[in-house]
């Protein structure tokens, strides 16, 4: 493993895992009102594009970080959808 790949994996892990407390907090408090649907669309599209780029560039650090980030963002979006439906 190259130094660049190792740095990429550490950086990707830290920025991706930074989402975990937010997802857990939203799950515990059942509050996702501060997240705009437009944000989910823009951020999710961007993460998806990075994921595609990672596959095209054969960059494991980019693939791993963005695949996990996409899962966390989709989980947060599912919570928002569930919470929005309950509040109606």
PDB file of N, CA and C in Angstrom:
ATOM      1  N   UNK A   1       0.853  -1.171   0.000  1.00  0.00           N
ATOM      2  CA  UNK A   1       0.000   0.000   0.000  1.00  0.00           C
ATOM      3  C   UNK A   1       0.903   1.240   0.000  1.00  0.00           C
ATOM      4  N   UNK A   2       0.566   2.164  -0.878  1.00  0.00           N
ATOM      5  CA  UNK A   2       1.368   3.383  -0.969  1.00  0.00           C
ATOM      6  C   UNK A   2       0.998   4.351   0.153  1.00  0.00           C
ATOM      7  N   UNK A   3       1.886   5.298   0.399  1.00  0.00           N
ATOM      8  CA  UNK A   3       1.625   6.320   1.413  1.00  0.00           C
ATOM      9  C   UNK A   3       0.392   7.139   1.034  1.00  0.00           C
ATOM     10  N   UNK A   4       0.254   7.446  -0.241  1.00  0.00           N
ATOM     11  CA  UNK A   4      -0.902   8.230  -0.701  1.00  0.00           C
ATOM     12  C   UNK A   4      -2.208   7.479  -0.439  1.00  0.00           C
ATOM     13  N   UNK A   5      -2.228   6.194  -0.695  1.00  0.00           N
ATOM     14  CA  UNK A   5      -3.430   5.393  -0.433  1.00  0.00           C
ATOM     15  C   UNK A   5      -3.731   5.352   1.055  1.00  0.00           C
ATOM     16  N   UNK A   6      -2.708   5.189   1.868  1.00  0.00           N
ATOM     17  CA  UNK A   6      -2.903   5.159   3.318  1.00  0.00           C
ATOM     18  C   UNK A   6      -3.468   6.487   3.831  1.00  0.00           C
ATOM     19  N   UNK A   7      -2.905   7.582   3.369  1.00  0.00           N
ATOM     20  CA  UNK A   7      -3.417   8.909   3.763  1.00  0.00           C
ATOM     21  C   UNK A   7      -4.856   9.071   3.290  1.00  0.00           C
ATOM     22  N   UNK A   8      -5.143   8.635   2.089  1.00  0.00           N
ATOM     23  CA  UNK A   8      -6.507   8.706   1.562  1.00  0.00           C
ATOM     24  C   UNK A   8      -7.480   7.891   2.391  1.00  0.00           C
ATOM     25  N   UNK A   9      -7.071   6.708   2.810  1.00  0.00           N
ATOM     26  CA  UNK A   9      -7.942   5.863   3.629  1.00  0.00           C
ATOM     27  C   UNK A   9      -8.185   6.481   5.005  1.00  0.00           C
ATOM     28  N   UNK A  10      -7.156   7.051   5.613  1.00  0.00           N
ATOM     29  CA  UNK A  10      -7.327   7.717   6.916  1.00  0.00           C
ATOM     30  C   UNK A  10      -8.230   8.930   6.768  1.00  0.00           C
ATOM     31  N   UNK A  11      -7.967   9.761   5.769  1.00  0.00           N
ATOM     32  CA  UNK A  11      -8.784  10.961   5.548  1.00  0.00           C
ATOM     33  C   UNK A  11     -10.232  10.587   5.248  1.00  0.00           C
ATOM     34  N   UNK A  12     -10.423   9.625   4.389  1.00  0.00           N
ATOM     35  CA  UNK A  12     -11.772   9.186   4.051  1.00  0.00           C
ATOM     36  C   UNK A  12     -12.499   8.598   5.248  1.00  0.00           C
ATOM     37  N   UNK A  13     -11.784   7.835   6.062  1.00  0.00           N
ATOM     38  CA  UNK A  13     -12.400   7.258   7.263  1.00  0.00           C
ATOM     39  C   UNK A  13     -12.860   8.342   8.220  1.00  0.00           C
ATOM     40  N   UNK A  14     -12.007   9.327   8.451  1.00  0.00           N
ATOM     41  CA  UNK A  14     -12.361  10.392   9.390  1.00  0.00           C
ATOM     42  C   UNK A  14     -13.542  11.228   8.898  1.00  0.00           C
ATOM     43  N   UNK A  15     -13.523  11.631   7.632  1.00  0.00           N
ATOM     44  CA  UNK A  15     -14.615  12.468   7.133  1.00  0.00           C
ATOM     45  C   UNK A  15     -15.915  11.678   6.989  1.00  0.00           C
ATOM     46  N   UNK A  16     -15.818  10.399   6.717  1.00  0.00           N
ATOM     47  CA  UNK A  16     -17.010   9.565   6.613  1.00  0.00           C
ATOM     48  C   UNK A  16     -17.586   9.252   7.985  1.00  0.00           C
ATOM     49  N   UNK A  17     -16.735   8.841   8.902  1.00  0.00           N
ATOM     50  CA  UNK A  17     -17.212   8.497  10.241  1.00  0.00           C
ATOM     51  C   UNK A  17     -17.721   9.712  11.008  1.00  0.00           C
ATOM     52  N   UNK A  18     -17.374  10.898  10.551  1.00  0.00           N
ATOM     53  CA  UNK A  18     -17.902  12.116  11.171  1.00  0.00           C
ATOM     54  C   UNK A  18     -19.426  12.177  11.033  1.00  0.00           C
ATOM     55  N   UNK A  19     -19.983  11.471  10.075  1.00  0.00           N
ATOM     56  CA  UNK A  19     -21.441  11.436   9.879  1.00  0.00           C
ATOM     57  C   UNK A  19     -22.142  10.530  10.873  1.00  0.00           C
ATOM     58  N   UNK A  20     -21.436   9.568  11.405  1.00  0.00           N
ATOM     59  CA  UNK A  20     -22.056   8.586  12.289  1.00  0.00           C
ATOM     60  C   UNK A  20     -22.730   9.218  13.511  1.00  0.00           C
ATOM     61  N   UNK A  21     -22.092  10.148  14.230  1.00  0.00           N
ATOM     62  CA  UNK A  21     -22.785  10.770  15.365  1.00  0.00           C
ATOM     63  C   UNK A  21     -24.072  11.493  14.960  1.00  0.00           C
ATOM     64  N   UNK A  22     -24.078  12.107  13.780  1.00  0.00           N
ATOM     65  CA  UNK A  22     -25.277  12.816  13.323  1.00  0.00           C
ATOM     66  C   UNK A  22     -26.411  11.843  13.027  1.00  0.00           C
ATOM     67  N   UNK A  23     -26.078  10.734  12.380  1.00  0.00           N
ATOM     68  CA  UNK A  23     -27.096   9.725  12.085  1.00  0.00           C
ATOM     69  C   UNK A  23     -27.638   9.137  13.387  1.00  0.00           C
ATOM     70  N   UNK A  24     -26.746   8.822  14.320  1.00  0.00           N
ATOM     71  CA  UNK A  24     -27.191   8.270  15.607  1.00  0.00           C
ATOM     72  C   UNK A  24     -28.034   9.275  16.385  1.00  0.00           C
ATOM     73  N   UNK A  25     -27.642  10.538  16.359  1.00  0.00           N
ATOM     74  CA  UNK A  25     -28.419  11.569  17.066  1.00  0.00           C
ATOM     75  C   UNK A  25     -29.814  11.712  16.446  1.00  0.00           C
ATOM     76  N   UNK A  26     -29.882  11.727  15.138  1.00  0.00           N
ATOM     77  CA  UNK A  26     -31.178  11.830  14.466  1.00  0.00           C
ATOM     78  C   UNK A  26     -32.047  10.629  14.809  1.00  0.00           C
ATOM     79  N   UNK A  27     -31.441   9.462  14.910  1.00  0.00           N
ATOM     80  CA  UNK A  27     -32.182   8.255  15.267  1.00  0.00           C
ATOM     81  C   UNK A  27     -32.701   8.342  16.708  1.00  0.00           C
ATOM     82  N   UNK A  28     -31.845   8.791  17.627  1.00  0.00           N
ATOM     83  CA  UNK A  28     -32.234   8.902  19.039  1.00  0.00           C
ATOM     84  C   UNK A  28     -33.292   9.979  19.268  1.00  0.00           C
ATOM     85  N   UNK A  29     -33.089  11.161  18.674  1.00  0.00           N
ATOM     86  CA  UNK A  29     -33.996  12.295  18.928  1.00  0.00           C
ATOM     87  C   UNK A  29     -35.213  12.277  18.010  1.00  0.00           C
ATOM     88  N   UNK A  30     -35.141  11.465  16.976  1.00  0.00           N
ATOM     89  CA  UNK A  30     -36.198  11.417  15.958  1.00  0.00           C
ATOM     90  C   UNK A  30     -36.432  12.791  15.333  1.00  0.00           C
ATOM     91  N   UNK A  31     -35.357  13.549  15.199  1.00  0.00           N
ATOM     92  CA  UNK A  31     -35.443  14.887  14.620  1.00  0.00           C
ATOM     93  C   UNK A  31     -34.456  15.032  13.464  1.00  0.00           C
ATOM     94  N   UNK A  32     -34.996  15.264  12.299  1.00  0.00           N
ATOM     95  CA  UNK A  32     -34.177  15.521  11.113  1.00  0.00           C
ATOM     96  C   UNK A  32     -34.647  16.786  10.418  1.00  0.00           C
ATOM     97  N   UNK A  33     -35.388  17.611  11.139  1.00  0.00           N
ATOM     98  CA  UNK A  33     -35.993  18.802  10.533  1.00  0.00           C
ATOM     99  C   UNK A  33     -34.967  19.807  10.025  1.00  0.00           C
ATOM    100  N   UNK A  34     -33.756  19.791  10.572  1.00  0.00           N
ATOM    101  CA  UNK A  34     -32.743  20.752  10.140  1.00  0.00           C
ATOM    102  C   UNK A  34     -32.074  20.376   8.825  1.00  0.00           C
ATOM    103  N   UNK A  35     -32.374  19.208   8.305  1.00  0.00           N
ATOM    104  CA  UNK A  35     -31.803  18.785   7.026  1.00  0.00           C
ATOM    105  C   UNK A  35     -32.812  19.052   5.910  1.00  0.00           C
ATOM    106  N   UNK A  36     -32.406  19.839   4.929  1.00  0.00           N
ATOM    107  CA  UNK A  36     -33.275  20.151   3.786  1.00  0.00           C
ATOM    108  C   UNK A  36     -33.192  19.029   2.752  1.00  0.00           C
ATOM    109  N   UNK A  37     -34.323  18.756   2.115  1.00  0.00           N
ATOM    110  CA  UNK A  37     -34.326  17.736   1.060  1.00  0.00           C
ATOM    111  C   UNK A  37     -33.380  18.127  -0.073  1.00  0.00           C
ATOM    112  N   UNK A  38     -33.259  19.431  -0.327  1.00  0.00           N
ATOM    113  CA  UNK A  38     -32.343  19.893  -1.382  1.00  0.00           C
ATOM    114  C   UNK A  38     -30.896  19.515  -1.038  1.00  0.00           C
ATOM    115  N   UNK A  39     -30.581  19.596   0.258  1.00  0.00           N
ATOM    116  CA  UNK A  39     -29.240  19.220   0.697  1.00  0.00           C
ATOM    117  C   UNK A  39     -29.001  17.735   0.431  1.00  0.00           C
ATOM    118  N   UNK A  40     -29.991  16.900   0.775  1.00  0.00           N
ATOM    119  CA  UNK A  40     -29.851  15.465   0.526  1.00  0.00           C
ATOM    120  C   UNK A  40     -29.621  15.206  -0.959  1.00  0.00           C
ATOM    121  N   UNK A  41     -30.371  15.890  -1.825  1.00  0.00           N
ATOM    122  CA  UNK A  41     -30.236  15.689  -3.266  1.00  0.00           C
ATOM    123  C   UNK A  41     -28.848  16.107  -3.749  1.00  0.00           C
ATOM    124  N   UNK A  42     -28.405  17.279  -3.332  1.00  0.00           N
ATOM    125  CA  UNK A  42     -27.105  17.777  -3.784  1.00  0.00           C
ATOM    126  C   UNK A  42     -25.950  16.948  -3.219  1.00  0.00           C
ATOM    127  N   UNK A  43     -25.982  16.703  -1.916  1.00  0.00           N
ATOM    128  CA  UNK A  43     -24.889  15.975  -1.288  1.00  0.00           C
ATOM    129  C   UNK A  43     -24.854  14.524  -1.761  1.00  0.00           C
ATOM    130  N   UNK A  44     -26.019  13.889  -1.826  1.00  0.00           N
ATOM    131  CA  UNK A  44     -26.081  12.505  -2.283  1.00  0.00           C
ATOM    132  C   UNK A  44     -25.599  12.344  -3.710  1.00  0.00           C
ATOM    133  N   UNK A  45     -25.954  13.281  -4.574  1.00  0.00           N
ATOM    134  CA  UNK A  45     -25.490  13.246  -5.963  1.00  0.00           C
ATOM    135  C   UNK A  45     -23.977  13.421  -6.024  1.00  0.00           C
ATOM    136  N   UNK A  46     -23.467  14.351  -5.229  1.00  0.00           N
ATOM    137  CA  UNK A  46     -22.018  14.562  -5.190  1.00  0.00           C
ATOM    138  C   UNK A  46     -21.266  13.344  -4.703  1.00  0.00           C
ATOM    139  N   UNK A  47     -21.755  12.728  -3.639  1.00  0.00           N
ATOM    140  CA  UNK A  47     -21.109  11.518  -3.109  1.00  0.00           C
ATOM    141  C   UNK A  47     -21.189  10.391  -4.142  1.00  0.00           C
ATOM    142  N   UNK A  48     -22.340  10.264  -4.800  1.00  0.00           N
ATOM    143  CA  UNK A  48     -22.473   9.246  -5.849  1.00  0.00           C
ATOM    144  C   UNK A  48     -21.496   9.480  -6.994  1.00  0.00           C
ATOM    145  N   UNK A  49     -21.310  10.747  -7.372  1.00  0.00           N
ATOM    146  CA  UNK A  49     -20.354  11.071  -8.431  1.00  0.00           C
ATOM    147  C   UNK A  49     -18.920  10.742  -7.999  1.00  0.00           C
ATOM    148  N   UNK A  50     -18.581  11.037  -6.733  1.00  0.00           N
ATOM    149  CA  UNK A  50     -17.257  10.665  -6.224  1.00  0.00           C
ATOM    150  C   UNK A  50     -17.076   9.155  -6.228  1.00  0.00           C
ATOM    151  N   UNK A  51     -18.129   8.431  -5.912  1.00  0.00           N
ATOM    152  CA  UNK A  51     -18.054   6.973  -5.916  1.00  0.00           C
ATOM    153  C   UNK A  51     -17.783   6.449  -7.330  1.00  0.00           C
ATOM    154  N   UNK A  52     -18.492   6.989  -8.296  1.00  0.00           N
ATOM    155  CA  UNK A  52     -18.256   6.600  -9.699  1.00  0.00           C
ATOM    156  C   UNK A  52     -16.831   6.943 -10.108  1.00  0.00           C
ATOM    157  N   UNK A  53     -16.387   8.145  -9.731  1.00  0.00           N
ATOM    158  CA  UNK A  53     -15.009   8.546 -10.025  1.00  0.00           C
ATOM    159  C   UNK A  53     -14.018   7.551  -9.410  1.00  0.00           C
ATOM    160  N   UNK A  54     -14.259   7.169  -8.174  1.00  0.00           N
ATOM    161  CA  UNK A  54     -13.368   6.222  -7.502  1.00  0.00           C
ATOM    162  C   UNK A  54     -13.248   4.919  -8.265  1.00  0.00           C
ATOM    163  N   UNK A  55     -14.373   4.418  -8.787  1.00  0.00           N
ATOM    164  CA  UNK A  55     -14.325   3.182  -9.573  1.00  0.00           C
ATOM    165  C   UNK A  55     -13.581   3.401 -10.890  1.00  0.00           C
ATOM    166  N   UNK A  56     -13.861   4.530 -11.547  1.00  0.00           N
ATOM    167  CA  UNK A  56     -13.196   4.801 -12.824  1.00  0.00           C
ATOM    168  C   UNK A  56     -11.695   5.000 -12.652  1.00  0.00           C
ATOM    169  N   UNK A  57     -11.300   5.622 -11.545  1.00  0.00           N
ATOM    170  CA  UNK A  57      -9.884   5.886 -11.293  1.00  0.00           C
ATOM    171  C   UNK A  57      -9.212   4.743 -10.538  1.00  0.00           C
ATOM    172  N   UNK A  58      -9.979   3.720 -10.193  1.00  0.00           N
ATOM    173  CA  UNK A  58      -9.467   2.586  -9.406  1.00  0.00           C
ATOM    174  C   UNK A  58      -8.781   3.083  -8.137  1.00  0.00           C
ATOM    175  N   UNK A  59      -9.488   3.944  -7.397  1.00  0.00           N
ATOM    176  CA  UNK A  59      -8.954   4.553  -6.177  1.00  0.00           C
ATOM    177  C   UNK A  59      -9.683   3.981  -4.967  1.00  0.00           C
ATOM    178  N   UNK A  60      -9.098   2.982  -4.298  1.00  0.00           N
ATOM    179  CA  UNK A  60      -9.787   2.307  -3.197  1.00  0.00           C
ATOM    180  C   UNK A  60     -10.196   3.236  -2.059  1.00  0.00           C
ATOM    181  N   UNK A  61      -9.387   4.228  -1.752  1.00  0.00           N
ATOM    182  CA  UNK A  61      -9.719   5.153  -0.669  1.00  0.00           C
ATOM    183  C   UNK A  61     -10.970   5.959  -1.011  1.00  0.00           C
ATOM    184  N   UNK A  62     -11.075   6.392  -2.244  1.00  0.00           N
ATOM    185  CA  UNK A  62     -12.240   7.166  -2.685  1.00  0.00           C
ATOM    186  C   UNK A  62     -13.476   6.278  -2.702  1.00  0.00           C
ATOM    187  N   UNK A  63     -13.331   5.058  -3.168  1.00  0.00           N
ATOM    188  CA  UNK A  63     -14.454   4.120  -3.220  1.00  0.00           C
ATOM    189  C   UNK A  63     -14.972   3.823  -1.819  1.00  0.00           C
ATOM    190  N   UNK A  64     -14.076   3.452  -0.917  1.00  0.00           N
ATOM    191  CA  UNK A  64     -14.483   3.064   0.435  1.00  0.00           C
ATOM    192  C   UNK A  64     -15.152   4.213   1.172  1.00  0.00           C
ATOM    193  N   UNK A  65     -14.532   5.372   1.137  1.00  0.00           N
ATOM    194  CA  UNK A  65     -15.069   6.525   1.868  1.00  0.00           C
ATOM    195  C   UNK A  65     -16.433   6.935   1.337  1.00  0.00           C
ATOM    196  N   UNK A  66     -16.570   6.993   0.032  1.00  0.00           N
ATOM    197  CA  UNK A  66     -17.827   7.474  -0.531  1.00  0.00           C
ATOM    198  C   UNK A  66     -18.925   6.426  -0.506  1.00  0.00           C
ATOM    199  N   UNK A  67     -18.582   5.165  -0.562  1.00  0.00           N
ATOM    200  CA  UNK A  67     -19.602   4.120  -0.429  1.00  0.00           C
ATOM    201  C   UNK A  67     -20.210   4.173   0.972  1.00  0.00           C
ATOM    202  N   UNK A  68     -19.362   4.283   1.981  1.00  0.00           N
ATOM    203  CA  UNK A  68     -19.862   4.354   3.352  1.00  0.00           C
ATOM    204  C   UNK A  68     -20.618   5.657   3.607  1.00  0.00           C
ATOM    205  N   UNK A  69     -20.113   6.766   3.081  1.00  0.00           N
ATOM    206  CA  UNK A  69     -20.809   8.043   3.235  1.00  0.00           C
ATOM    207  C   UNK A  69     -22.190   7.974   2.594  1.00  0.00           C
ATOM    208  N   UNK A  70     -22.282   7.368   1.428  1.00  0.00           N
ATOM    209  CA  UNK A  70     -23.575   7.250   0.753  1.00  0.00           C
ATOM    210  C   UNK A  70     -24.548   6.430   1.593  1.00  0.00           C
ATOM    211  N   UNK A  71     -24.070   5.364   2.209  1.00  0.00           N
ATOM    212  CA  UNK A  71     -24.926   4.548   3.084  1.00  0.00           C
ATOM    213  C   UNK A  71     -25.434   5.389   4.258  1.00  0.00           C
ATOM    214  N   UNK A  72     -24.543   6.166   4.885  1.00  0.00           N
ATOM    215  CA  UNK A  72     -24.949   6.995   6.023  1.00  0.00           C
ATOM    216  C   UNK A  72     -25.936   8.090   5.615  1.00  0.00           C
ATOM    217  N   UNK A  73     -25.700   8.710   4.468  1.00  0.00           N
ATOM    218  CA  UNK A  73     -26.611   9.758   3.994  1.00  0.00           C
ATOM    219  C   UNK A  73     -27.966   9.159   3.626  1.00  0.00           C
ATOM    220  N   UNK A  74     -27.973   7.990   3.021  1.00  0.00           N
ATOM    221  CA  UNK A  74     -29.240   7.327   2.704  1.00  0.00           C
ATOM    222  C   UNK A  74     -29.983   6.938   3.981  1.00  0.00           C
ATOM    223  N   UNK A  75     -29.238   6.512   5.005  1.00  0.00           N
ATOM    224  CA  UNK A  75     -29.870   6.183   6.289  1.00  0.00           C
ATOM    225  C   UNK A  75     -30.488   7.433   6.909  1.00  0.00           C
ATOM    226  N   UNK A  76     -29.770   8.542   6.859  1.00  0.00           N
ATOM    227  CA  UNK A  76     -30.294   9.798   7.395  1.00  0.00           C
ATOM    228  C   UNK A  76     -31.519  10.250   6.594  1.00  0.00           C
ATOM    229  N   UNK A  77     -31.482  10.077   5.280  1.00  0.00           N
ATOM    230  CA  UNK A  77     -32.633  10.409   4.439  1.00  0.00           C
ATOM    231  C   UNK A  77     -33.838   9.536   4.755  1.00  0.00           C
ATOM    232  N   UNK A  78     -33.598   8.256   5.010  1.00  0.00           N
ATOM    233  CA  UNK A  78     -34.697   7.353   5.377  1.00  0.00           C
ATOM    234  C   UNK A  78     -35.307   7.771   6.711  1.00  0.00           C
ATOM    235  N   UNK A  79     -34.455   8.182   7.660  1.00  0.00           N
ATOM    236  CA  UNK A  79     -34.963   8.676   8.941  1.00  0.00           C
ATOM    237  C   UNK A  79     -35.805   9.928   8.738  1.00  0.00           C
ATOM    238  N   UNK A  80     -35.325  10.835   7.890  1.00  0.00           N
ATOM    239  CA  UNK A  80     -36.080  12.062   7.623  1.00  0.00           C
ATOM    240  C   UNK A  80     -37.432  11.742   6.988  1.00  0.00           C
ATOM    241  N   UNK A  81     -37.435  10.815   6.054  1.00  0.00           N
ATOM    242  CA  UNK A  81     -38.684  10.411   5.408  1.00  0.00           C
ATOM    243  C   UNK A  81     -39.647   9.807   6.422  1.00  0.00           C
ATOM    244  N   UNK A  82     -39.144   8.941   7.274  1.00  0.00           N
ATOM    245  CA  UNK A  82     -39.959   8.319   8.311  1.00  0.00           C
ATOM    246  C   UNK A  82     -40.493   9.357   9.287  1.00  0.00           C
ATOM    247  N   UNK A  83     -39.620  10.253   9.729  1.00  0.00           N
ATOM    248  CA  UNK A  83     -40.033  11.287  10.687  1.00  0.00           C
ATOM    249  C   UNK A  83     -41.021  12.269  10.067  1.00  0.00           C
ATOM    250  N   UNK A  84     -40.824  12.582   8.792  1.00  0.00           N
ATOM    251  CA  UNK A  84     -41.760  13.492   8.107  1.00  0.00           C
ATOM    252  C   UNK A  84     -43.139  12.866   7.988  1.00  0.00           C
ATOM    253  N   UNK A  85     -43.172  11.574   7.686  1.00  0.00           N
ATOM    254  CA  UNK A  85     -44.450  10.872   7.551  1.00  0.00           C
ATOM    255  C   UNK A  85     -45.181  10.801   8.882  1.00  0.00           C
ATOM    256  N   UNK A  86     -44.442  10.621   9.976  1.00  0.00           N
ATOM    257  CA  UNK A  86     -45.060  10.537  11.297  1.00  0.00           C
ATOM    258  C   UNK A  86     -45.621  11.874  11.770  1.00  0.00           C
ATOM    259  N   UNK A  87     -44.979  12.957  11.353  1.00  0.00           N
ATOM    260  CA  UNK A  87     -45.410  14.272  11.853  1.00  0.00           C
ATOM    261  C   UNK A  87     -46.643  14.800  11.103  1.00  0.00           C
ATOM    262  N   UNK A  88     -47.048  14.122  10.071  1.00  0.00           N
ATOM    263  CA  UNK A  88     -48.226  14.581   9.300  1.00  0.00           C
ATOM    264  C   UNK A  88     -49.506  14.157   9.949  1.00  0.00           C
TER     265      UNK A  88
END
